[in-house]
C-alpha atoms as a PDB file:
ATOM      1  CA  UNK A   1       0.043  -0.335  -0.261  1.00  0.00           C
ATOM      2  CA  UNK A   2       1.370   3.586  -0.945  1.00  0.00           C
ATOM      3  CA  UNK A   3       0.310   7.266  -0.890  1.00  0.00           C
ATOM      4  CA  UNK A   4       1.851  10.501  -2.421  1.00  0.00           C
ATOM      5  CA  UNK A   5       1.780  13.298   0.282  1.00  0.00           C
ATOM      6  CA  UNK A   6       3.184  16.889   0.017  1.00  0.00           C
ATOM      7  CA  UNK A   7       3.140  18.989   3.370  1.00  0.00           C
ATOM      8  CA  UNK A   8       2.233  22.493   3.365  1.00  0.00           C
ATOM      9  CA  UNK A   9       3.201  25.486   5.664  1.00  0.00           C
ATOM     10  CA  UNK A  10       0.463  24.245   8.061  1.00  0.00           C
ATOM     11  CA  UNK A  11       1.719  20.926   8.594  1.00  0.00           C
ATOM     12  CA  UNK A  12       4.980  22.701  10.093  1.00  0.00           C
ATOM     13  CA  UNK A  13       7.023  22.122  13.622  1.00  0.00           C
ATOM     14  CA  UNK A  14       9.707  23.861  13.313  1.00  0.00           C
ATOM     15  CA  UNK A  15       9.838  26.397   9.997  1.00  0.00           C
ATOM     16  CA  UNK A  16      10.142  23.977   7.328  1.00  0.00           C
ATOM     17  CA  UNK A  17      10.308  21.408   8.514  1.00  0.00           C
ATOM     18  CA  UNK A  18       6.681  19.241   9.199  1.00  0.00           C
ATOM     19  CA  UNK A  19       5.540  18.163  12.419  1.00  0.00           C
ATOM     20  CA  UNK A  20       7.086  15.142  13.796  1.00  0.00           C
ATOM     21  CA  UNK A  21       3.297  14.076  14.783  1.00  0.00           C
ATOM     22  CA  UNK A  22       1.531  14.910  11.369  1.00  0.00           C
ATOM     23  CA  UNK A  23       4.878  12.080   9.663  1.00  0.00           C
ATOM     24  CA  UNK A  24       3.666   9.332  12.781  1.00  0.00           C
ATOM     25  CA  UNK A  25      -0.230   9.953  11.633  1.00  0.00           C
ATOM     26  CA  UNK A  26       1.180   9.032   7.552  1.00  0.00           C
ATOM     27  CA  UNK A  27       2.535   6.129   8.943  1.00  0.00           C
ATOM     28  CA  UNK A  28       0.422   4.878  11.039  1.00  0.00           C
ATOM     29  CA  UNK A  29      -2.648   5.661   8.829  1.00  0.00           C
ATOM     30  CA  UNK A  30      -1.562   3.565   5.898  1.00  0.00           C
ATOM     31  CA  UNK A  31      -0.221   0.708   8.682  1.00  0.00           C
ATOM     32  CA  UNK A  32      -3.915   0.604  10.308  1.00  0.00           C
ATOM     33  CA  UNK A  33      -5.711   0.132   6.921  1.00  0.00           C
ATOM     34  CA  UNK A  34      -3.545  -2.681   5.621  1.00  0.00           C
ATOM     35  CA  UNK A  35      -5.440  -5.135   7.188  1.00  0.00           C
ATOM     36  CA  UNK A  36      -8.550  -3.541   5.768  1.00  0.00           C
ATOM     37  CA  UNK A  37      -7.137  -3.791   2.763  1.00  0.00           C
ATOM     38  CA  UNK A  38      -6.036  -7.405   2.605  1.00  0.00           C
ATOM     39  CA  UNK A  39     -10.207  -8.203   3.974  1.00  0.00           C
ATOM     40  CA  UNK A  40      -9.649  -8.726   7.479  1.00  0.00           C
ATOM     41  CA  UNK A  41     -10.663  -6.082  10.335  1.00  0.00           C
ATOM     42  CA  UNK A  42      -8.073  -6.075  12.852  1.00  0.00           C
ATOM     43  CA  UNK A  43      -6.733  -2.755  14.247  1.00  0.00           C
ATOM     44  CA  UNK A  44      -3.083  -1.718  15.351  1.00  0.00           C
ATOM     45  CA  UNK A  45      -2.787  -1.362  18.808  1.00  0.00           C
ATOM     46  CA  UNK A  46       0.718  -0.865  18.961  1.00  0.00           C
ATOM     47  CA  UNK A  47       2.960   0.826  16.256  1.00  0.00           C
ATOM     48  CA  UNK A  48       6.133   2.856  16.499  1.00  0.00           C
ATOM     49  CA  UNK A  49       8.362   5.614  14.530  1.00  0.00           C
ATOM     50  CA  UNK A  50      11.354   5.685  13.949  1.00  0.00           C
ATOM     51  CA  UNK A  51      12.327   9.816  12.054  1.00  0.00           C
ATOM     52  CA  UNK A  52      16.345   9.586  10.002  1.00  0.00           C
ATOM     53  CA  UNK A  53      15.639  12.970   9.313  1.00  0.00           C
ATOM     54  CA  UNK A  54      14.525  16.817   9.368  1.00  0.00           C
ATOM     55  CA  UNK A  55      11.499  16.424   6.449  1.00  0.00           C
ATOM     56  CA  UNK A  56      11.215  19.506   4.371  1.00  0.00           C
ATOM     57  CA  UNK A  57       7.784  21.063   4.070  1.00  0.00           C
ATOM     58  CA  UNK A  58       6.001  21.828   0.088  1.00  0.00           C
ATOM     59  CA  UNK A  59       8.670  18.957  -0.340  1.00  0.00           C
ATOM     60  CA  UNK A  60       6.688  15.387  -2.182  1.00  0.00           C
ATOM     61  CA  UNK A  61       7.107  12.598   0.154  1.00  0.00           C
ATOM     62  CA  UNK A  62       6.266   8.947  -0.860  1.00  0.00           C
ATOM     63  CA  UNK A  63       4.786   6.151   2.330  1.00  0.00           C
ATOM     64  CA  UNK A  64       4.715   2.704   1.766  1.00  0.00           C
ATOM     65  CA  UNK A  65       2.943   0.461   4.375  1.00  0.00           C
ATOM     66  CA  UNK A  66       4.087  -3.661   3.881  1.00  0.00           C
ATOM     67  CA  UNK A  67       3.056  -6.706   5.648  1.00  0.00           C
ATOM     68  CA  UNK A  68       5.995  -8.417   7.736  1.00  0.00           C
ATOM     69  CA  UNK A  69       3.676 -11.585   9.178  1.00  0.00           C
ATOM     70  CA  UNK A  70       0.414 -12.386   9.693  1.00  0.00           C
ATOM     71  CA  UNK A  71       0.438 -13.917  12.577  1.00  0.00           C
ATOM     72  CA  UNK A  72      -2.748 -16.491  15.225  1.00  0.00           C
ATOM     73  CA  UNK A  73      -3.958 -12.941  16.376  1.00  0.00           C
ATOM     74  CA  UNK A  74      -3.279 -10.321  13.603  1.00  0.00           C
ATOM     75  CA  UNK A  75      -0.209  -8.880  11.546  1.00  0.00           C
ATOM     76  CA  UNK A  76       3.582  -7.567  12.028  1.00  0.00           C
ATOM     77  CA  UNK A  77       3.369  -3.962   9.859  1.00  0.00           C
ATOM     78  CA  UNK A  78       6.326  -1.396   8.431  1.00  0.00           C
ATOM     79  CA  UNK A  79       5.675   2.023   6.396  1.00  0.00           C
ATOM     80  CA  UNK A  80       8.359   4.048   5.306  1.00  0.00           C
ATOM     81  CA  UNK A  81       8.011   7.870   4.289  1.00  0.00           C
ATOM     82  CA  UNK A  82      11.048   8.918   2.176  1.00  0.00           C
ATOM     83  CA  UNK A  83      11.625  11.433  -0.092  1.00  0.00           C
ATOM     84  CA  UNK A  84      10.673  11.662  -4.217  1.00  0.00           C
ATOM     85  CA  UNK A  85      15.156   9.849  -4.634  1.00  0.00           C
ATOM     86  CA  UNK A  86      14.378   7.514  -1.737  1.00  0.00           C
ATOM     87  CA  UNK A  87      15.805   8.395   0.460  1.00  0.00           C
ATOM     88  CA  UNK A  88      14.568   7.004   3.394  1.00  0.00           C
ATOM     89  CA  UNK A  89      13.135  10.134   6.666  1.00  0.00           C
ATOM     90  CA  UNK A  90      11.002   8.143   8.646  1.00  0.00           C
ATOM     91  CA  UNK A  91      10.081   4.547   9.944  1.00  0.00           C
ATOM     92  CA  UNK A  92       8.022   2.344  11.809  1.00  0.00           C
ATOM     93  CA  UNK A  93       6.630  -0.511  12.965  1.00  0.00           C
ATOM     94  CA  UNK A  94       3.318  -2.093  13.623  1.00  0.00           C
ATOM     95  CA  UNK A  95       1.108  -4.984  14.678  1.00  0.00           C
ATOM     96  CA  UNK A  96      -2.519  -5.168  14.555  1.00  0.00           C
ATOM     97  CA  UNK A  97      -4.658  -7.285  16.188  1.00  0.00           C
ATOM     98  CA  UNK A  98      -7.831  -8.503  15.565  1.00  0.00           C
ATOM     99  CA  UNK A  99     -11.264  -9.215  18.271  1.00  0.00           C
ATOM    100  CA  UNK A 100     -10.752 -12.232  20.381  1.00  0.00           C
ATOM    101  CA  UNK A 101     -13.403 -13.317  19.321  1.00  0.00           C
ATOM    102  CA  UNK A 102     -11.758 -14.061  15.055  1.00  0.00           C
ATOM    103  CA  UNK A 103      -8.149 -14.944  16.899  1.00  0.00           C
ATOM    104  CA  UNK A 104      -7.602 -18.156  15.569  1.00  0.00           C
ATOM    105  CA  UNK A 105      -7.777 -20.927  18.842  1.00  0.00           C
ATOM    106  CA  UNK A 106      -3.792 -21.342  20.459  1.00  0.00           C
ATOM    107  CA  UNK A 107      -2.737 -18.094  19.363  1.00  0.00           C
ATOM    108  CA  UNK A 108      -0.411 -17.007  22.403  1.00  0.00           C
ATOM    109  CA  UNK A 109      -1.688 -14.733  24.523  1.00  0.00           C
ATOM    110  CA  UNK A 110      -5.340 -16.995  24.473  1.00  0.00           C
END
């Protein structure tokens, strides 16, 4: 799953730099929607973001999310934010879980 985003001045924290909360939201939303896109009703319950470089305002950004692993409880996911030259600016990992009533029998934590 992927998206393209051009941040505006309204998205900045420090002058000329996109606010970390906006970056986190972009990564979160792609990971959170991945299970639904794959026909599953798992919800993202944990995510962690790593900021690699300042993200400039007004430059096109690419956001990608992928499945790392399908588990009995849900999904392990990853996402990455890059500039148009492919330079990694931020990355995230996440875990989506299904409601307890829909988890596979014998899954860890049940």
